[in-house]
Structures are given as C-alpha cells and as structure tokens.
Amino acid sequence: MNRHPLLEGLVDYAGLFPPAELPFADAVTEYVTHRGEAESWMLGNFICPAGRLDEFLPYPEAFTERAPLTLSVLPGSGPDLAARVREARVVFDRFEQAFEGHADLRLLEARMPAAVPSPVDLKEGAEAAGEVSLYLEWSPGLPELTDCLRILGEARTAGASNLGAKIRCGGTEAAAFPSIGQVADFILACVAFDVPFKATAGLHHPVRHDRDGFTMHGFLNVFGATVLAQAGKSDPEVCAAVLAERDPDSFDLSDGGFSWRGHKVSADRVRDARSLAHAFGSCSFIEPREDLAAARWFGFAR
C-alpha cells in the first residue's frame, strides 16, 4: 500500500484499552511487530496511562535511541488539570531516565470536566505540558461544546499553542457513539477556531458501517470531512453528508489527494489539513488496514 498524506501516522496504538484490553506484554509485542510491517508508516504513538509507564521497563531492547518508543500519555484523574499534567510529566521524566532515554513523549491526552473551561485553567494546563501538545477531551454532546472549542482557540491564539481537542467516536455501548450532527459540529468548530484534534474509539474501519449492533463512524469519513472543511469546500450539510457516507467507491485517494462525490482537494491541501486532524486511537492496527487493503476502492495502488 503506497504512502498517502491522509493516512500517514494516522493510527495511534491503544491496545491496552477496550475492547482489546491486551495484557501489557502482549500490547508491547504487538506494537513492536507492527513497527516492522510494511504499513508501519500509518502507525503513530503508543497510548499509555501515566501510571503504567514503568511496565515498559522490562522491554528496553525493543526500542533504541534511533527508534525510540513514541508515547501519547494519559494523565490521571482529578479536578485540577495543571496538577494532573505536571504529575504526568514528572512520571514520564522519571521513566525516561530509567528507560535510558529511549522514549519520546509526543502527546498528553486529558479529560476535561463536563463544563466550559476557564481560560486560566487552560493556560496553566498548557504551561504544565511544556513543549508537549496537550489534547483535551470533551463529550461532543456537551451543550457548550462550541464555547469550549472557541475558548480553546482563544487560548491558542494567546500563546497556549500546544493545546488541542479530542473527540470520542464510540465505545462499548450505544450512548458512547456521537451522532453525525455532533461530529460535524465538532469538526466545523475545530476548523473555525483553528483547534487541532485527535479522535478515539469506534474508528476501526475506513467507512461508516453497522457492526455488532452499532453504527460505526469511519475514519475516512471523519478525516475526509475535516480535509474538505479545512480547504473551504464544505458546510454543515456537506460535512454531515460525508460523515454519513457508506459507499467506499464514493471516496478517492488517488494522486495523494482526497475527493468525495466531486468535492476534490489536492495532496498539498491534505497535508495542510493533517496539521489540524492529527490522529485517532485504535486498539487494533490490523482492522484499520483490512478494508484499505482493497486499495482499488480508494484509487491508489497496492
């Protein structure tokens, strides 16, 4: 499968989390195996709670200074965002030293309370993260979601440029799956306020489909809708239609670009959009590639 800017580094590995919920040793083995596969260019960071970082210590031989363990770390819970982030940084720094420097903290992902955040709290959280990006998760069903993202955008403009947002697209129960309208609102608000984001849960396959009693969002739908919106070729109606699309033949990834039913974006614009649409977490790196293996669907050759 040829490299494509929409897919490069798109999948953060979340094997420790449901539904896979692998034992730590198995997750490490699986991640290391995937790093050696032909499609490793699609693989991003290993997602790990801060409290479990030391479980990597028995596996120093799996990572090197030239090929370090790249991590997205989840701080612990609590009402004080900055305190949680500072503690996670302390835990990582201690772990990195014990791991002989063969680990690289790329991202911090923290949940936020179900309320509009204080600009002061956001600034303190961003400062606690230092040079590392801090992505904050809100429920897309939160009535004040647009206000949250607007304030996040304002905080970025005011200097907290390491802040981003996170959307949860599924889970183990129906209530965990946001509607098409909620996902569209999130995407369009992130584009409007210039807030980078990542997604998590429920995006194992490229195109929207039904599975195990749930209607699953597709990662090609979500990130393709973002590409079009970022390029100024979308509105709420188009964004919702892309998210609702179930026909894989309606998408085309030829020549490094992206198109959906006549709405086309060049490869350069796709690369620009990826600075906004960062990645999604998946407990499997196999499932996201299964449908893509039939590359004729998407207009680029294997």
Protein backbone atom coordinates (compact mmCIF):
# COMPACT_ATOMS: atom_id res chain seq x y z
CA MET A 1 0.00 0.00 0.00
CA ASN A 2 1.50 3.31 -1.10
CA ARG A 3 2.00 6.12 1.39
CA HIS A 4 -0.72 8.71 1.44
CA PRO A 5 -0.69 12.01 3.39
CA LEU A 6 -4.18 11.42 4.77
CA LEU A 7 -3.13 8.09 6.30
CA GLU A 8 0.48 8.70 7.34
CA GLY A 9 0.92 8.29 11.11
CA LEU A 10 -2.86 8.35 11.45
CA VAL A 11 -3.35 5.41 13.86
CA ASP A 12 -2.21 5.72 17.46
CA TYR A 13 -1.98 2.29 19.07
CA ALA A 14 -4.39 1.75 22.01
CA GLY A 15 -4.04 -1.98 22.60
CA LEU A 16 -4.25 -1.54 26.39
CA PHE A 17 -7.80 -0.22 26.12
CA PRO A 18 -11.20 -1.86 25.42
CA PRO A 19 -12.34 -3.74 23.55
CA ALA A 20 -8.91 -5.39 23.03
CA GLU A 21 -7.62 -4.59 26.54
CA LEU A 22 -4.47 -6.67 25.99
CA PRO A 23 -2.08 -7.64 28.78
CA PHE A 24 0.82 -5.18 28.79
CA ALA A 25 3.39 -7.66 27.46
CA ASP A 26 1.10 -8.63 24.58
CA ALA A 27 0.44 -4.99 23.68
CA VAL A 28 4.17 -4.22 23.58
CA THR A 29 4.84 -7.27 21.42
CA GLU A 30 2.03 -6.36 19.03
CA TYR A 31 3.16 -2.73 18.74
CA VAL A 32 6.77 -3.69 18.08
CA THR A 33 5.60 -6.18 15.44
CA HIS A 34 3.53 -3.51 13.70
CA ARG A 35 6.53 -1.15 13.66
CA GLY A 36 8.31 -3.67 11.47
CA GLU A 37 5.48 -4.16 8.98
CA ALA A 38 5.19 -2.66 5.51
CA GLU A 39 2.34 -0.37 6.59
CA SER A 40 4.20 0.94 9.66
CA TRP A 41 4.10 4.40 8.04
CA MET A 42 0.44 4.53 9.12
CA LEU A 43 1.32 3.80 12.77
CA GLY A 44 1.60 6.57 15.33
CA ASN A 45 2.21 6.62 19.08
CA PHE A 46 1.65 4.03 21.78
CA ILE A 47 -1.12 5.32 24.08
CA CYS A 48 -0.41 4.60 27.74
CA PRO A 49 -1.72 5.84 31.10
CA ALA A 50 0.98 7.67 33.05
CA GLY A 51 0.56 5.23 35.92
CA ARG A 52 1.54 2.27 33.71
CA LEU A 53 4.70 3.64 32.07
CA ASP A 54 7.01 1.62 34.31
CA GLU A 55 5.53 -1.54 32.82
CA PHE A 56 7.70 -0.81 29.77
CA LEU A 57 10.89 -1.20 31.81
CA PRO A 58 11.30 -4.97 31.14
CA TYR A 59 11.44 -4.27 27.37
CA PRO A 60 14.36 -1.87 26.77
CA GLU A 61 15.72 -3.97 23.91
CA ALA A 62 12.57 -3.31 21.85
CA PHE A 63 13.41 0.39 21.43
CA THR A 64 16.58 2.31 20.64
CA GLU A 65 17.84 5.88 20.57
CA ARG A 66 17.34 5.95 16.79
CA ALA A 67 13.93 4.23 17.00
CA PRO A 68 12.54 5.28 20.38
CA LEU A 69 9.23 4.42 21.96
CA THR A 70 6.94 7.30 20.96
CA LEU A 71 4.21 7.87 23.51
CA SER A 72 0.88 9.53 24.00
CA VAL A 73 0.41 9.62 27.76
CA LEU A 74 -2.85 9.91 29.69
CA PRO A 75 -2.59 11.81 32.99
CA GLY A 76 -4.55 10.61 35.99
CA SER A 77 -7.94 11.90 37.08
CA GLY A 78 -8.77 14.89 39.26
CA PRO A 79 -10.32 18.37 39.12
CA ASP A 80 -7.03 20.28 38.67
CA LEU A 81 -5.88 19.99 35.05
CA ALA A 82 -2.47 21.57 35.57
CA ALA A 83 -1.72 19.36 38.58
CA ARG A 84 -2.62 16.22 36.62
CA VAL A 85 -0.44 17.28 33.70
CA ARG A 86 2.52 18.21 35.92
CA GLU A 87 2.34 14.84 37.66
CA ALA A 88 2.26 13.02 34.33
CA ARG A 89 5.35 14.95 33.20
CA VAL A 90 7.17 14.02 36.42
CA VAL A 91 6.24 10.36 35.98
CA PHE A 92 7.39 10.39 32.34
CA ASP A 93 10.70 12.11 33.11
CA ARG A 94 11.46 9.52 35.79
CA PHE A 95 10.50 6.71 33.43
CA GLU A 96 12.55 8.14 30.54
CA GLN A 97 15.66 8.22 32.70
CA ALA A 98 15.14 4.61 33.78
CA PHE A 99 14.48 3.63 30.16
CA GLU A 100 17.86 5.09 29.14
CA GLY A 101 16.32 7.86 27.12
CA HIS A 102 14.75 5.58 24.54
CA ALA A 103 11.30 7.09 24.97
CA ASP A 104 9.83 10.22 23.44
CA LEU A 105 6.74 11.93 24.85
CA ARG A 106 4.80 13.20 21.84
CA LEU A 107 1.37 13.94 23.31
CA LEU A 108 -0.63 14.25 26.52
CA GLU A 109 -4.35 13.44 26.45
CA ALA A 110 -6.53 14.52 29.37
CA ARG A 111 -10.24 14.54 30.05
CA MET A 112 -11.92 17.78 30.97
CA PRO A 113 -14.94 18.26 33.23
CA ALA A 114 -18.34 18.49 31.52
CA ALA A 115 -18.34 22.28 31.65
CA VAL A 116 -16.93 25.24 29.78
CA PRO A 117 -13.26 25.51 30.79
CA SER A 118 -11.68 28.50 32.43
CA PRO A 119 -9.09 30.27 30.24
CA VAL A 120 -6.85 30.39 33.31
CA ASP A 121 -7.10 26.61 33.76
CA LEU A 122 -6.31 26.08 30.07
CA LYS A 123 -3.27 28.32 30.23
CA GLU A 124 -1.97 26.60 33.36
CA GLY A 125 -2.52 23.18 31.80
CA ALA A 126 -0.68 24.23 28.63
CA GLU A 127 2.23 25.58 30.65
CA ALA A 128 2.40 22.39 32.69
CA ALA A 129 2.64 20.36 29.46
CA GLY A 130 5.69 22.39 28.39
CA GLU A 131 6.67 21.78 24.78
CA VAL A 132 4.39 18.73 24.52
CA SER A 133 0.96 19.02 22.90
CA LEU A 134 -1.97 18.65 25.30
CA TYR A 135 -5.23 17.37 23.81
CA LEU A 136 -8.35 17.82 25.91
CA GLU A 137 -11.40 15.62 25.59
CA TRP A 138 -14.96 16.87 25.86
CA SER A 139 -18.12 15.00 25.06
CA PRO A 140 -19.44 16.06 21.63
CA GLY A 141 -22.90 16.12 23.22
CA LEU A 142 -21.92 18.85 25.66
CA PRO A 143 -24.31 21.78 25.05
CA GLU A 144 -21.45 24.23 25.41
CA LEU A 145 -19.07 22.32 23.11
CA THR A 146 -18.73 25.23 20.67
CA ASP A 147 -17.95 27.57 23.56
CA CYS A 148 -15.31 25.10 24.81
CA LEU A 149 -13.61 24.98 21.43
CA ARG A 150 -13.85 28.75 20.96
CA ILE A 151 -12.14 29.33 24.32
CA LEU A 152 -9.56 26.70 23.42
CA GLY A 153 -8.89 28.54 20.16
CA GLU A 154 -8.57 31.83 22.00
CA ALA A 155 -6.11 30.27 24.43
CA ARG A 156 -4.03 29.03 21.49
CA THR A 157 -4.03 32.49 19.94
CA ALA A 158 -2.95 33.94 23.30
CA GLY A 159 0.14 31.72 23.40
CA ALA A 160 -1.03 28.27 24.51
CA SER A 161 -0.36 26.89 21.03
CA ASN A 162 0.24 23.36 22.31
CA LEU A 163 -3.47 22.88 23.13
CA GLY A 164 -5.77 20.67 21.08
CA ALA A 165 -9.09 18.86 21.38
CA LYS A 166 -10.15 15.23 21.38
CA ILE A 167 -13.40 13.59 20.33
CA ARG A 168 -14.64 10.16 21.38
CA CYS A 169 -16.38 8.49 18.43
CA GLY A 170 -17.57 5.26 20.03
CA GLY A 171 -17.25 2.74 22.79
CA THR A 172 -18.82 -0.41 24.17
CA GLU A 173 -22.38 0.95 24.40
CA ALA A 174 -24.68 2.87 22.08
CA ALA A 175 -24.58 6.04 24.18
CA ALA A 176 -20.84 6.34 23.53
CA PHE A 177 -21.38 6.93 19.80
CA PRO A 178 -21.95 10.61 18.93
CA SER A 179 -24.41 11.43 16.18
CA ILE A 180 -23.38 12.61 12.73
CA GLY A 181 -24.52 16.09 13.66
CA GLN A 182 -22.42 16.13 16.82
CA VAL A 183 -19.29 15.01 14.99
CA ALA A 184 -19.93 17.56 12.23
CA ASP A 185 -20.34 20.33 14.84
CA PHE A 186 -17.04 19.30 16.43
CA ILE A 187 -15.14 19.24 13.13
CA LEU A 188 -16.50 22.56 11.88
CA ALA A 189 -15.83 24.25 15.22
CA CYS A 190 -12.24 22.96 15.26
CA VAL A 191 -11.74 24.32 11.74
CA ALA A 192 -13.40 27.66 12.57
CA PHE A 193 -11.32 28.19 15.71
CA ASP A 194 -8.11 26.60 14.36
CA VAL A 195 -8.02 23.90 17.04
CA PRO A 196 -6.11 20.70 16.15
CA PHE A 197 -7.77 17.49 17.26
CA LYS A 198 -7.47 13.76 17.52
CA ALA A 199 -10.19 11.15 17.79
CA THR A 200 -10.53 7.95 19.75
CA ALA A 201 -12.71 4.85 19.93
CA GLY A 202 -15.05 3.42 17.31
CA LEU A 203 -12.99 4.22 14.21
CA HIS A 204 -11.54 0.80 13.37
CA HIS A 205 -12.69 0.82 9.73
CA PRO A 206 -12.48 3.44 6.97
CA VAL A 207 -16.13 3.84 6.04
CA ARG A 208 -19.32 4.14 8.09
CA HIS A 209 -21.00 0.75 8.62
CA ASP A 210 -23.05 -1.37 11.02
CA ARG A 211 -21.28 -3.85 13.25
CA ASP A 212 -22.12 -5.75 16.45
CA GLY A 213 -25.39 -3.85 16.82
CA PHE A 214 -23.77 -0.41 16.50
CA THR A 215 -23.48 2.08 13.65
CA MET A 216 -19.77 2.84 13.47
CA HIS A 217 -18.19 6.05 12.24
CA GLY A 218 -15.47 5.57 9.60
CA PHE A 219 -12.07 7.18 9.93
CA LEU A 220 -12.09 8.08 6.24
CA ASN A 221 -15.44 9.81 6.78
CA VAL A 222 -14.19 11.79 9.79
CA PHE A 223 -10.80 12.82 8.45
CA GLY A 224 -12.05 13.30 4.90
CA ALA A 225 -14.80 15.61 6.15
CA THR A 226 -12.13 17.59 8.00
CA VAL A 227 -9.95 17.86 4.90
CA LEU A 228 -12.85 19.30 2.90
CA ALA A 229 -13.82 21.70 5.69
CA GLN A 230 -10.24 22.91 6.16
CA ALA A 231 -9.96 23.50 2.40
CA GLY A 232 -13.12 25.63 2.43
CA LYS A 233 -15.06 23.09 0.38
CA SER A 234 -17.63 22.17 2.99
CA ASP A 235 -20.54 23.47 5.02
CA PRO A 236 -22.71 21.79 7.69
CA GLU A 237 -24.72 19.96 5.04
CA VAL A 238 -21.70 18.66 3.11
CA CYS A 239 -19.83 17.77 6.30
CA ALA A 240 -22.78 15.73 7.57
CA ALA A 241 -23.16 14.02 4.19
CA VAL A 242 -19.50 12.95 4.14
CA LEU A 243 -19.83 11.58 7.67
CA ALA A 244 -22.97 9.67 6.67
CA GLU A 245 -21.42 8.15 3.53
CA ARG A 246 -21.43 4.32 3.44
CA ASP A 247 -20.30 3.71 -0.15
CA PRO A 248 -16.50 3.27 -0.25
CA ASP A 249 -16.50 3.89 -4.00
CA SER A 250 -17.55 7.48 -3.35
CA PHE A 251 -14.09 8.21 -1.92
CA ASP A 252 -10.91 8.62 -3.95
CA LEU A 253 -7.36 8.97 -2.61
CA SER A 254 -5.52 8.97 -5.94
CA ASP A 255 -2.50 11.22 -6.51
CA GLY A 256 -2.18 11.88 -2.79
CA GLY A 257 -5.34 13.96 -2.74
CA PHE A 258 -8.84 13.36 -1.44
CA SER A 259 -12.20 13.54 -3.15
CA TRP A 260 -15.75 12.66 -2.28
CA ARG A 261 -18.53 12.79 -4.88
CA GLY A 262 -16.90 15.56 -6.89
CA HIS A 263 -15.53 17.55 -3.94
CA LYS A 264 -11.76 17.43 -4.52
CA VAL A 265 -8.74 18.51 -2.50
CA SER A 266 -5.10 18.36 -3.65
CA ALA A 267 -2.32 16.45 -1.90
CA ASP A 268 -0.88 19.72 -0.56
CA ARG A 269 -4.21 20.67 0.98
CA VAL A 270 -4.49 17.21 2.51
CA ARG A 271 -1.09 17.72 4.16
CA ASP A 272 -2.20 21.13 5.44
CA ALA A 273 -5.34 19.58 6.93
CA ARG A 274 -3.35 16.92 8.77
CA SER A 275 -1.83 19.67 10.91
CA LEU A 276 -5.38 20.10 12.20
CA ALA A 277 -6.66 16.49 12.07
CA HIS A 278 -3.88 14.74 13.95
CA ALA A 279 -4.69 11.04 14.51
CA PHE A 280 -7.11 8.57 16.02
CA GLY A 281 -6.59 5.96 18.69
CA SER A 282 -7.40 2.34 17.89
CA CYS A 283 -6.94 -0.79 19.98
CA SER A 284 -6.15 -2.61 16.72
CA PHE A 285 -3.73 -1.69 13.94
CA ILE A 286 -4.93 -4.62 11.85
CA GLU A 287 -8.58 -3.66 11.48
CA PRO A 288 -7.95 -0.14 10.11
CA ARG A 289 -5.92 -1.73 7.30
CA GLU A 290 -8.26 -4.56 6.37
CA ASP A 291 -10.57 -2.55 4.13
CA LEU A 292 -7.73 -0.36 2.87
CA ALA A 293 -6.05 -3.50 1.55
CA ALA A 294 -8.69 -3.40 -1.21
CA ALA A 295 -6.96 -0.24 -2.41
CA ARG A 296 -8.92 -0.14 -5.68
CA TRP A 297 -11.71 1.35 -3.57
CA PHE A 298 -9.70 4.44 -2.91
CA GLY A 299 -7.88 4.99 -6.16
CA PHE A 300 -4.28 4.20 -5.20
CA ALA A 301 -2.30 1.06 -5.97
CA ARG A 302 -1.00 -1.59 -3.63
